Amino acid sequence: MKVIKVILVSILTIIFTLNCSIVFADNLSNDKEIIIDIPSRRLFLTENNEVIKEYPVAVGTSATQTPIGEYKVINKVIDPYYAKLDIPGGSPYNPLGSRWIGFKPHYGIHGNSNPSSIGTFASAGCVRMFEMDVQELYNTVSYNVPVKVTYELLKILKDVDGENPIMIVYPDYYNYETDIGLKIDNKLKEAGLYESISKEDLTYLKNRARKEITYISNGYAYFINGTYVTNDVIKYNQGFYINKTKFERFFNISMNSIYGEEYCEFREDKIHQVSKDGKNYIAIRDLERVFGGSHTFDEVDLSLKYDLDNYILLNGSLIRGQGIALKEYPIIPLYDIIEPLNIDMKITKEKIKFIYQGRELKVLYHNDEPYISIENVNNVLGVKTNLHTGGKFIELNSDPIVIYNDNIFNGLRENNEILVPLSIFSTELLINDLDIVHEHVLAIGRLKTFNRSGKYYVKLSEVLKMKGYKVKKRDSYDTKIYIEKRIF
């Protein structure tokens, strides 16, 4: 009995000494799943079997492997204590960082004090993340969420349109696989690639794949920050050109071709293009000039990689400019978001002031250029942000301003849908009893409404299906939308 009491006292002492929070259950949804892919050193958070976020991680070395298998989140700890070296929770030297998400006794997903290790085989079996990422994941997943640790060396990738497959082969770092050459052949046959690759090239690529990541394709394979975009790449005048439509699709942009000239435009910048077999191709050297970043070409596996650090998407579309310090204290260039987010710029004798809704913005300067922190983008501009350290980009999601009959209304953006206030149309459509009715029968079908904080909204796409309304114009990022009545 005395031994049991000693054990209980010891456990309680450890818990209180840790100065941490241990979470065994919460109200977060359990339709999520964590997938840790050892060969790619990536963690995928899925919901309803769809990937909603991807994170780079460090995993176990070949001597101290991360355990393969299916598990569940068994505990969550804030500022975990590192018993091995007696380092208290919250210490900047604590190798467990600020969060712990346990999925097996002695194994967990955690932050770390060595961010340079992320993306490598470096741990004693646990899964390391950037501090910002592990804190986000900690707040997203709950106790009992499935954790699947996989070890799949061969993967078939498809391009931005879900076609034109290629294969990626990871080295067998844990020495698990046998007959890897035969498995490569079979996988290529499944993807319909085997016959298009010479036996000599395939043998060479198989040997290379034993030591480094290798791509197998029937042409050039083009990547942006590690994501396969297209294998429709040509060489012209000693330079590489990629399929213009695929590039536009990846970034959700439009680059208008200039009639009669060998160029297309993005925000008044010219990009050289050539036509072949009825398709347009754009010069990668001009992409670097317009968007930044750099390309590297692997002459062995014919992979062409575009490294575009910290690019910015506004409402899903690429804007010019790049963020800084994405993994630490992210800031984004102000000049590139002034127009779409309706920020006023006032020039005085002393300085340039940036004003938003009558409030001067706090500006940070880098290389004499004005930037704004992600924190202020959220709190002051009211723009939702989503940082992707894996893909190295920043998402900005701004609710639109809707203009109708010279009146300005605030819309909402939800799940790629634009919601507009029902009050814009309520008088004209003779809709009443908004406080008690959730669906309104109109002269033209049914119009579903959405209650958001006591205000009712309708989908813009549904409004436009009605015969009485159309979009007069909208800006490139759908931050300002003009609606008008149709004239018959």
Protein backbone atom coordinates (compact mmCIF):
# COMPACT_ATOMS: atom_id res chain seq x y z
CA MET A 1 0.00 0.00 0.00
CA LYS A 2 2.85 2.30 0.87
CA VAL A 3 4.44 1.62 -2.53
CA ILE A 4 1.20 2.54 -4.32
CA LYS A 5 0.97 5.82 -2.39
CA VAL A 6 4.57 6.64 -3.27
CA ILE A 7 3.87 6.00 -6.95
CA LEU A 8 0.74 8.18 -6.91
CA VAL A 9 2.56 11.00 -5.14
CA SER A 10 5.41 10.74 -7.65
CA ILE A 11 3.00 10.96 -10.61
CA LEU A 12 1.23 13.99 -9.15
CA THR A 13 4.57 15.63 -8.39
CA ILE A 14 5.71 15.16 -12.00
CA ILE A 15 2.46 16.60 -13.35
CA PHE A 16 2.60 19.72 -11.22
CA THR A 17 6.35 20.12 -11.75
CA LEU A 18 5.82 20.13 -15.50
CA ASN A 19 3.74 23.29 -15.21
CA CYS A 20 1.80 22.12 -18.24
CA SER A 21 -1.73 21.37 -19.40
CA ILE A 22 -2.66 17.76 -20.05
CA VAL A 23 -5.69 17.39 -22.29
CA PHE A 24 -7.55 14.09 -22.46
CA ALA A 25 -10.60 15.27 -24.38
CA ASP A 26 -12.09 18.37 -25.90
CA ASN A 27 -14.85 19.48 -28.21
CA LEU A 28 -12.80 19.48 -31.40
CA SER A 29 -14.11 17.40 -34.27
CA ASN A 30 -12.89 13.80 -34.54
CA ASP A 31 -13.37 13.48 -38.30
CA LYS A 32 -9.74 14.55 -38.69
CA GLU A 33 -6.71 12.32 -39.12
CA ILE A 34 -2.97 12.87 -38.90
CA ILE A 35 -0.84 11.10 -41.51
CA ILE A 36 2.94 11.14 -41.05
CA ASP A 37 4.79 10.16 -44.23
CA ILE A 38 8.32 9.07 -43.29
CA PRO A 39 10.05 9.13 -46.73
CA SER A 40 8.87 12.66 -47.61
CA ARG A 41 9.16 13.97 -44.03
CA ARG A 42 5.70 15.44 -44.25
CA LEU A 43 2.73 15.50 -41.89
CA PHE A 44 -0.71 15.73 -43.48
CA LEU A 45 -3.81 16.82 -41.57
CA THR A 46 -6.92 15.45 -43.24
CA GLU A 47 -10.62 16.01 -42.68
CA ASN A 48 -13.20 13.71 -44.24
CA ASN A 49 -10.30 12.07 -46.11
CA GLU A 50 -9.21 15.35 -47.74
CA VAL A 51 -5.87 17.01 -46.98
CA ILE A 52 -6.51 20.40 -45.35
CA LYS A 53 -2.93 21.22 -44.29
CA GLU A 54 0.57 19.93 -44.95
CA TYR A 55 3.54 20.46 -42.65
CA PRO A 56 7.27 19.67 -42.95
CA VAL A 57 8.61 17.52 -40.09
CA ALA A 58 11.74 15.80 -38.85
CA VAL A 59 11.47 12.08 -38.14
CA GLY A 60 13.62 9.38 -36.56
CA THR A 61 17.05 8.39 -37.82
CA SER A 62 17.73 4.92 -39.24
CA ALA A 63 19.00 3.89 -35.78
CA THR A 64 16.10 5.46 -33.87
CA GLN A 65 13.19 5.03 -36.25
CA THR A 66 9.76 6.58 -35.93
CA PRO A 67 7.40 3.61 -35.40
CA ILE A 68 5.32 2.70 -38.46
CA GLY A 69 1.68 1.87 -37.77
CA GLU A 70 -1.74 3.21 -36.78
CA TYR A 71 -2.19 5.02 -33.47
CA LYS A 72 -4.33 7.69 -31.81
CA VAL A 73 -3.65 10.90 -29.92
CA ILE A 74 -3.33 9.78 -26.29
CA ASN A 75 -2.33 13.07 -24.61
CA LYS A 76 -1.61 16.72 -25.25
CA VAL A 77 0.84 18.80 -23.23
CA ILE A 78 1.67 22.50 -23.18
CA ASP A 79 5.31 23.28 -22.33
CA PRO A 80 6.33 19.64 -21.72
CA TYR A 81 9.13 18.80 -19.30
CA TYR A 82 12.19 17.05 -20.81
CA ALA A 83 13.09 14.46 -18.20
CA LYS A 84 16.18 13.05 -19.93
CA LEU A 85 18.19 16.25 -19.37
CA ASP A 86 15.98 17.75 -16.66
CA ILE A 87 14.97 20.76 -18.81
CA PRO A 88 11.83 22.54 -17.61
CA GLY A 89 8.87 23.24 -19.84
CA GLY A 90 8.97 26.65 -21.51
CA SER A 91 12.78 26.74 -21.68
CA PRO A 92 14.16 27.85 -25.08
CA TYR A 93 16.61 24.95 -24.77
CA ASN A 94 13.90 22.33 -24.36
CA PRO A 95 14.14 19.96 -27.39
CA LEU A 96 10.41 19.20 -27.06
CA GLY A 97 9.45 22.81 -27.72
CA SER A 98 6.17 24.30 -26.54
CA ARG A 99 3.73 21.50 -27.43
CA TRP A 100 3.50 17.73 -27.18
CA ILE A 101 0.92 15.55 -28.96
CA GLY A 102 1.49 11.96 -27.84
CA PHE A 103 0.40 9.07 -30.07
CA LYS A 104 2.28 6.14 -28.47
CA PRO A 105 4.04 5.74 -25.11
CA HIS A 106 7.35 7.63 -25.37
CA TYR A 107 6.53 8.89 -28.90
CA GLY A 108 4.86 12.13 -29.89
CA ILE A 109 4.61 15.08 -32.24
CA HIS A 110 6.30 18.11 -30.71
CA GLY A 111 8.03 21.42 -31.28
CA ASN A 112 11.78 21.75 -31.02
CA SER A 113 14.72 24.00 -30.23
CA ASN A 114 16.52 23.20 -33.50
CA PRO A 115 14.34 24.33 -36.44
CA SER A 116 17.15 23.59 -38.91
CA SER A 117 16.46 19.86 -38.38
CA ILE A 118 12.96 20.08 -39.86
CA GLY A 119 12.76 18.14 -43.10
CA THR A 120 15.47 15.63 -42.11
CA PHE A 121 15.93 12.28 -40.39
CA ALA A 122 17.15 13.62 -37.05
CA SER A 123 15.05 12.62 -34.06
CA ALA A 124 15.15 9.78 -31.56
CA GLY A 125 11.85 8.54 -33.00
CA CYS A 126 9.49 11.42 -32.31
CA VAL A 127 8.14 13.81 -34.94
CA ARG A 128 9.44 17.39 -34.78
CA MET A 129 7.66 20.44 -36.16
CA PHE A 130 8.26 24.15 -36.41
CA GLU A 131 6.93 25.85 -33.28
CA MET A 132 4.31 27.83 -35.17
CA ASP A 133 3.09 24.66 -36.89
CA VAL A 134 2.90 22.44 -33.82
CA GLN A 135 0.94 25.10 -31.93
CA GLU A 136 -1.56 25.29 -34.79
CA LEU A 137 -1.86 21.50 -34.97
CA TYR A 138 -2.24 21.28 -31.18
CA ASN A 139 -5.22 23.65 -31.32
CA THR A 140 -6.78 21.73 -34.22
CA VAL A 141 -6.72 18.09 -33.15
CA SER A 142 -8.26 16.42 -30.14
CA TYR A 143 -7.71 13.35 -28.02
CA ASN A 144 -8.34 10.09 -29.89
CA VAL A 145 -7.72 11.55 -33.37
CA PRO A 146 -6.16 8.79 -35.52
CA VAL A 147 -2.43 9.05 -36.23
CA LYS A 148 -1.13 6.97 -39.13
CA VAL A 149 2.64 6.66 -39.69
CA THR A 150 3.38 5.41 -43.21
CA TYR A 151 6.45 4.33 -45.15
CA GLU A 152 5.68 4.40 -48.86
CA LEU A 153 8.72 4.83 -51.11
CA LEU A 154 6.93 4.90 -54.47
CA LYS A 155 4.28 7.48 -55.26
CA ILE A 156 2.47 8.42 -58.46
CA LEU A 157 1.94 12.15 -58.78
CA LYS A 158 -0.53 13.88 -61.09
CA ASP A 159 -0.33 17.41 -62.40
CA VAL A 160 -2.42 20.45 -61.48
CA ASP A 161 -5.31 19.13 -63.61
CA GLY A 162 -5.14 15.60 -62.20
CA GLU A 163 -3.53 14.12 -65.30
CA ASN A 164 -0.09 13.36 -66.84
CA PRO A 165 1.28 11.07 -64.09
CA ILE A 166 4.92 10.82 -63.04
CA MET A 167 6.61 8.76 -60.31
CA ILE A 168 8.66 9.86 -57.33
CA VAL A 169 11.01 7.34 -55.68
CA TYR A 170 12.37 7.93 -52.17
CA PRO A 171 15.54 6.25 -50.87
CA ASP A 172 14.91 3.33 -48.50
CA TYR A 173 16.34 5.11 -45.45
CA TYR A 174 14.97 2.57 -42.96
CA ASN A 175 16.02 -0.44 -45.12
CA TYR A 176 12.50 -1.88 -45.17
CA GLU A 177 12.00 -2.73 -48.84
CA THR A 178 13.10 -5.72 -50.89
CA ASP A 179 12.97 -6.08 -54.70
CA ILE A 180 12.56 -2.31 -55.02
CA GLY A 181 13.52 -2.46 -58.71
CA LEU A 182 10.69 -4.86 -59.50
CA LYS A 183 8.25 -2.73 -57.52
CA ILE A 184 9.30 0.35 -59.51
CA ASP A 185 8.59 -1.52 -62.76
CA ASN A 186 5.15 -2.62 -61.58
CA LYS A 187 4.23 0.85 -60.36
CA LEU A 188 5.29 2.40 -63.66
CA LYS A 189 3.17 -0.15 -65.54
CA GLU A 190 0.15 0.71 -63.39
CA ALA A 191 0.61 4.40 -64.28
CA GLY A 192 1.11 3.64 -67.99
CA LEU A 193 4.68 5.01 -67.95
CA TYR A 194 6.80 1.89 -68.27
CA GLU A 195 6.86 1.63 -72.07
CA SER A 196 7.69 5.32 -72.57
CA ILE A 197 11.01 5.17 -70.69
CA SER A 198 14.09 3.49 -72.14
CA LYS A 199 15.51 0.51 -70.25
CA GLU A 200 18.91 2.21 -70.06
CA ASP A 201 17.46 5.38 -68.51
CA LEU A 202 15.30 3.38 -66.12
CA THR A 203 18.26 1.32 -64.87
CA TYR A 204 20.24 4.49 -64.27
CA LEU A 205 17.36 6.15 -62.39
CA LYS A 206 16.81 3.06 -60.23
CA ASN A 207 20.46 3.13 -59.13
CA ARG A 208 20.27 6.82 -58.37
CA ALA A 209 17.07 6.34 -56.33
CA ARG A 210 18.99 4.26 -53.80
CA LYS A 211 20.70 7.43 -52.56
CA GLU A 212 18.47 10.41 -53.37
CA ILE A 213 14.94 11.38 -54.29
CA THR A 214 14.38 10.65 -57.97
CA TYR A 215 11.58 11.49 -60.41
CA ILE A 216 10.67 9.20 -63.29
CA SER A 217 8.74 10.83 -66.13
CA ASN A 218 8.37 10.60 -69.89
CA GLY A 219 9.38 14.26 -70.16
CA TYR A 220 10.50 17.20 -68.07
CA ALA A 221 8.75 17.42 -64.69
CA TYR A 222 8.04 20.95 -63.43
CA PHE A 223 7.59 21.67 -59.70
CA ILE A 224 6.73 24.78 -57.68
CA ASN A 225 7.94 24.57 -54.08
CA GLY A 226 7.87 20.80 -54.24
CA THR A 227 4.42 20.46 -55.81
CA TYR A 228 4.23 18.80 -59.22
CA VAL A 229 2.58 21.20 -61.70
CA THR A 230 3.11 19.80 -65.21
CA ASN A 231 5.40 17.75 -67.44
CA ASP A 232 4.46 19.85 -70.46
CA VAL A 233 7.78 21.68 -70.76
CA ILE A 234 9.70 22.53 -73.93
CA LYS A 235 13.12 23.91 -74.75
CA TYR A 236 13.28 26.93 -77.05
CA ASN A 237 16.26 29.15 -77.87
CA GLN A 238 18.33 27.40 -75.18
CA GLY A 239 15.74 28.16 -72.51
CA PHE A 240 12.88 26.32 -70.80
CA TYR A 241 9.24 27.20 -71.41
CA ILE A 242 6.32 25.71 -69.49
CA ASN A 243 2.67 25.31 -70.38
CA LYS A 244 1.07 28.70 -69.70
CA THR A 245 -2.38 27.28 -68.85
CA LYS A 246 -0.95 24.92 -66.21
CA PHE A 247 0.98 27.77 -64.56
CA GLU A 248 -2.13 29.97 -64.53
CA ARG A 249 -4.20 27.16 -63.05
CA PHE A 250 -1.71 26.54 -60.24
CA PHE A 251 -1.77 30.18 -59.11
CA ASN A 252 -5.38 30.93 -60.13
CA ILE A 253 -4.33 33.87 -62.28
CA SER A 254 -4.79 35.03 -65.85
CA MET A 255 -1.93 36.24 -68.04
CA ASN A 256 -3.46 37.88 -71.09
CA SER A 257 -1.75 37.25 -74.38
CA ILE A 258 -0.90 40.41 -76.29
CA TYR A 259 -2.34 40.17 -79.78
CA GLY A 260 0.29 40.21 -82.49
CA GLU A 261 3.19 39.97 -80.03
CA GLU A 262 5.12 37.09 -78.51
CA TYR A 263 4.23 38.12 -74.97
CA CYS A 264 1.59 37.78 -72.32
CA GLU A 265 1.01 40.14 -69.37
CA PHE A 266 0.61 39.84 -65.64
CA ARG A 267 -0.20 43.12 -63.89
CA GLU A 268 1.46 45.07 -66.75
CA ASP A 269 4.64 42.96 -66.67
CA LYS A 270 5.49 41.25 -69.95
CA ILE A 271 6.37 37.56 -70.08
CA HIS A 272 7.75 36.04 -73.28
CA GLN A 273 5.70 33.21 -74.76
CA VAL A 274 5.87 30.87 -77.73
CA SER A 275 3.17 28.76 -79.36
CA LYS A 276 3.47 25.09 -80.24
CA ASP A 277 0.80 22.58 -81.25
CA GLY A 278 -1.93 25.07 -80.40
CA LYS A 279 -0.66 25.71 -76.85
CA ASN A 280 1.18 28.67 -75.33
CA TYR A 281 4.38 28.28 -73.32
CA ILE A 282 6.01 30.92 -71.11
CA ALA A 283 9.70 31.54 -70.40
CA ILE A 284 10.84 30.54 -66.93
CA ARG A 285 13.52 33.26 -66.97
CA ASP A 286 10.73 35.84 -67.11
CA LEU A 287 8.86 34.16 -64.26
CA GLU A 288 11.88 34.77 -62.04
CA ARG A 289 11.98 38.42 -63.07
CA VAL A 290 8.25 39.01 -62.47
CA PHE A 291 7.52 36.77 -59.48
CA GLY A 292 10.98 36.28 -57.93
CA GLY A 293 12.51 32.98 -56.90
CA SER A 294 14.85 30.77 -58.89
CA HIS A 295 14.86 27.55 -60.94
CA THR A 296 17.13 24.52 -60.72
CA PHE A 297 17.38 21.80 -63.34
CA ASP A 298 18.39 18.20 -62.65
CA GLU A 299 19.93 16.78 -65.82
CA VAL A 300 19.60 13.19 -64.55
CA ASP A 301 15.88 12.85 -63.82
CA LEU A 302 14.90 15.92 -65.89
CA SER A 303 13.15 17.66 -63.00
CA LEU A 304 12.79 21.43 -63.17
CA LYS A 305 12.13 23.03 -59.79
CA TYR A 306 10.88 26.57 -59.13
CA ASP A 307 11.74 27.72 -55.62
CA LEU A 308 9.44 30.66 -54.85
CA ASP A 309 9.78 31.32 -51.13
CA ASN A 310 6.91 32.90 -49.23
CA TYR A 311 4.67 33.79 -52.15
CA ILE A 312 1.28 35.29 -51.30
CA LEU A 313 -2.21 34.25 -52.35
CA LEU A 314 -5.05 36.71 -51.88
CA ASN A 315 -8.43 34.97 -52.03
CA GLY A 316 -6.74 32.08 -53.81
CA SER A 317 -4.92 34.12 -56.47
CA LEU A 318 -1.24 35.02 -56.64
CA ILE A 319 -0.25 38.61 -55.96
CA ARG A 320 3.12 40.15 -56.60
CA GLY A 321 5.58 40.30 -53.76
CA GLN A 322 6.89 37.82 -51.23
CA GLY A 323 6.57 37.53 -47.49
CA ILE A 324 9.50 37.34 -45.09
CA ALA A 325 10.30 35.14 -42.07
CA LEU A 326 7.44 32.75 -42.75
CA LYS A 327 8.60 30.30 -40.05
CA GLU A 328 9.22 32.90 -37.34
CA TYR A 329 7.56 36.35 -37.42
CA PRO A 330 5.90 36.66 -40.86
CA ILE A 331 5.55 40.05 -42.54
CA ILE A 332 4.17 40.88 -45.99
CA PRO A 333 4.83 43.82 -48.35
CA LEU A 334 2.30 46.63 -48.00
CA TYR A 335 2.49 48.03 -51.52
CA ASP A 336 1.22 44.76 -52.97
CA ILE A 337 -2.00 44.70 -50.89
CA ILE A 338 -2.87 48.41 -50.83
CA GLU A 339 -5.26 48.42 -53.77
CA PRO A 340 -7.15 45.13 -53.27
CA LEU A 341 -7.60 45.72 -49.52
CA ASN A 342 -8.55 49.40 -49.92
CA ILE A 343 -5.70 50.83 -47.85
CA ASP A 344 -5.13 54.58 -48.19
CA MET A 345 -1.64 55.95 -48.61
CA LYS A 346 -0.97 59.55 -47.50
CA ILE A 347 2.32 61.28 -48.17
CA THR A 348 3.44 63.96 -45.70
CA LYS A 349 6.69 65.87 -45.37
CA GLU A 350 7.85 63.54 -42.61
CA LYS A 351 6.80 60.11 -43.91
CA ILE A 352 4.33 58.00 -45.84
CA LYS A 353 1.29 57.01 -43.81
CA PHE A 354 -0.85 53.97 -44.48
CA ILE A 355 -4.46 54.42 -43.33
CA TYR A 356 -7.16 51.77 -42.99
CA GLN A 357 -10.67 52.87 -42.00
CA GLY A 358 -9.28 56.03 -40.39
CA ARG A 359 -6.60 54.17 -38.45
CA GLU A 360 -2.89 54.47 -39.18
CA LEU A 361 -1.21 51.11 -39.68
CA LYS A 362 1.93 50.12 -37.83
CA VAL A 363 4.58 49.68 -40.51
CA LEU A 364 7.79 47.66 -40.43
CA TYR A 365 10.58 48.44 -42.89
CA HIS A 366 12.81 45.90 -44.62
CA ASN A 367 15.35 47.13 -47.19
CA ASP A 368 13.56 50.50 -47.03
CA GLU A 369 10.28 48.90 -48.15
CA PRO A 370 7.13 48.97 -45.93
CA TYR A 371 5.78 45.70 -44.55
CA ILE A 372 2.96 44.73 -42.20
CA SER A 373 2.97 41.87 -39.73
CA ILE A 374 0.62 38.91 -40.11
CA GLU A 375 -0.74 39.77 -36.67
CA ASN A 376 -1.90 43.19 -37.88
CA VAL A 377 -3.24 41.72 -41.12
CA ASN A 378 -5.51 39.63 -38.91
CA ASN A 379 -6.35 42.04 -36.12
CA VAL A 380 -6.38 45.42 -37.87
CA LEU A 381 -7.30 44.65 -41.49
CA GLY A 382 -9.62 41.79 -40.51
CA VAL A 383 -8.09 39.54 -43.15
CA LYS A 384 -7.82 35.84 -42.32
CA THR A 385 -4.34 34.37 -42.78
CA ASN A 386 -3.10 30.82 -43.24
CA LEU A 387 0.63 30.09 -43.25
CA HIS A 388 1.95 27.08 -45.17
CA THR A 389 5.52 26.30 -44.15
CA GLY A 390 5.45 23.12 -46.27
CA GLY A 391 4.49 24.83 -49.53
CA LYS A 392 6.23 28.06 -48.46
CA PHE A 393 3.34 30.43 -49.08
CA ILE A 394 0.87 32.66 -47.24
CA GLU A 395 -2.87 32.65 -47.80
CA LEU A 396 -4.85 35.85 -47.25
CA ASN A 397 -8.63 35.59 -47.26
CA SER A 398 -10.52 38.86 -47.33
CA ASP A 399 -14.28 39.31 -47.17
CA PRO A 400 -15.57 41.28 -50.17
CA ILE A 401 -17.18 44.69 -50.34
CA VAL A 402 -20.39 44.53 -52.39
CA ILE A 403 -21.67 47.66 -54.17
CA TYR A 404 -25.28 47.85 -55.36
CA ASN A 405 -27.20 51.03 -56.27
CA ASP A 406 -24.23 53.07 -55.00
CA ASN A 407 -24.62 51.52 -51.55
CA ILE A 408 -21.76 49.59 -49.93
CA PHE A 409 -22.37 46.31 -48.12
CA ASN A 410 -20.01 43.90 -46.37
CA GLY A 411 -20.05 40.39 -47.77
CA LEU A 412 -18.51 37.16 -46.47
CA ARG A 413 -16.24 34.52 -47.96
CA GLU A 414 -16.84 30.94 -46.84
CA ASN A 415 -15.46 27.75 -48.40
CA ASN A 416 -14.77 29.42 -51.75
CA GLU A 417 -18.30 30.84 -51.81
CA ILE A 418 -19.16 34.54 -51.60
CA LEU A 419 -22.12 35.39 -49.37
CA VAL A 420 -23.87 38.72 -49.84
CA PRO A 421 -26.27 40.36 -47.37
CA LEU A 422 -29.91 39.48 -48.01
CA SER A 423 -30.80 43.07 -47.09
CA ILE A 424 -29.47 44.17 -50.50
CA PHE A 425 -32.41 42.50 -52.20
CA SER A 426 -35.04 42.09 -49.46
CA THR A 427 -37.17 45.09 -50.45
CA GLU A 428 -37.18 44.25 -54.14
CA LEU A 429 -37.91 40.56 -53.54
CA LEU A 430 -40.62 41.31 -50.95
CA ILE A 431 -39.00 39.07 -48.33
CA ASN A 432 -40.38 39.43 -44.79
CA ASP A 433 -40.13 37.71 -41.41
CA LEU A 434 -36.35 37.34 -41.64
CA ASP A 435 -36.08 36.54 -37.94
CA ILE A 436 -38.08 33.33 -38.17
CA VAL A 437 -37.71 32.09 -41.73
CA HIS A 438 -34.61 30.16 -42.82
CA GLU A 439 -35.60 29.54 -46.41
CA HIS A 440 -37.60 31.91 -48.57
CA VAL A 441 -39.83 30.93 -51.47
CA LEU A 442 -39.39 33.41 -54.30
CA ALA A 443 -41.03 33.88 -57.64
CA ILE A 444 -37.99 32.10 -59.12
CA GLY A 445 -37.31 28.91 -57.15
CA ARG A 446 -35.92 28.82 -53.61
CA LEU A 447 -33.19 31.01 -52.18
CA LYS A 448 -31.43 29.54 -49.15
CA THR A 449 -30.28 31.97 -46.48
CA PHE A 450 -27.45 31.74 -43.96
CA ASN A 451 -27.63 33.26 -40.49
CA ARG A 452 -24.28 34.73 -39.46
CA SER A 453 -24.28 36.58 -36.13
CA GLY A 454 -27.93 37.52 -36.51
CA LYS A 455 -27.60 38.75 -40.10
CA TYR A 456 -28.87 36.88 -43.15
CA TYR A 457 -26.82 36.20 -46.27
CA VAL A 458 -27.33 34.46 -49.59
CA LYS A 459 -24.85 32.90 -52.01
CA LEU A 460 -23.85 35.30 -54.76
CA SER A 461 -23.80 32.38 -57.20
CA GLU A 462 -27.48 31.70 -56.42
CA VAL A 463 -28.43 35.34 -56.84
CA LEU A 464 -26.77 35.43 -60.25
CA LYS A 465 -28.86 32.46 -61.40
CA MET A 466 -31.91 34.67 -60.99
CA LYS A 467 -32.87 36.65 -64.05
CA GLY A 468 -32.81 40.04 -62.37
CA TYR A 469 -29.14 40.48 -61.36
CA LYS A 470 -25.61 40.32 -62.73
CA VAL A 471 -22.06 41.27 -61.72
CA LYS A 472 -21.16 44.53 -63.43
CA LYS A 473 -17.48 44.19 -62.54
CA ARG A 474 -15.19 42.71 -59.91
CA ASP A 475 -11.53 43.19 -59.13
CA SER A 476 -8.90 40.53 -59.73
CA TYR A 477 -9.10 39.19 -56.19
CA ASP A 478 -12.85 39.46 -55.56
CA THR A 479 -12.37 42.01 -52.79
CA LYS A 480 -14.75 44.46 -54.46
CA ILE A 481 -17.83 43.33 -56.41
CA TYR A 482 -20.33 45.55 -58.23
CA ILE A 483 -23.85 44.14 -58.72
CA GLU A 484 -26.51 45.64 -60.93
CA LYS A 485 -29.93 44.79 -62.34
CA ARG A 486 -30.12 43.25 -65.75
CA ILE A 487 -31.65 45.37 -68.48
CA PHE A 488 -34.05 43.46 -70.72
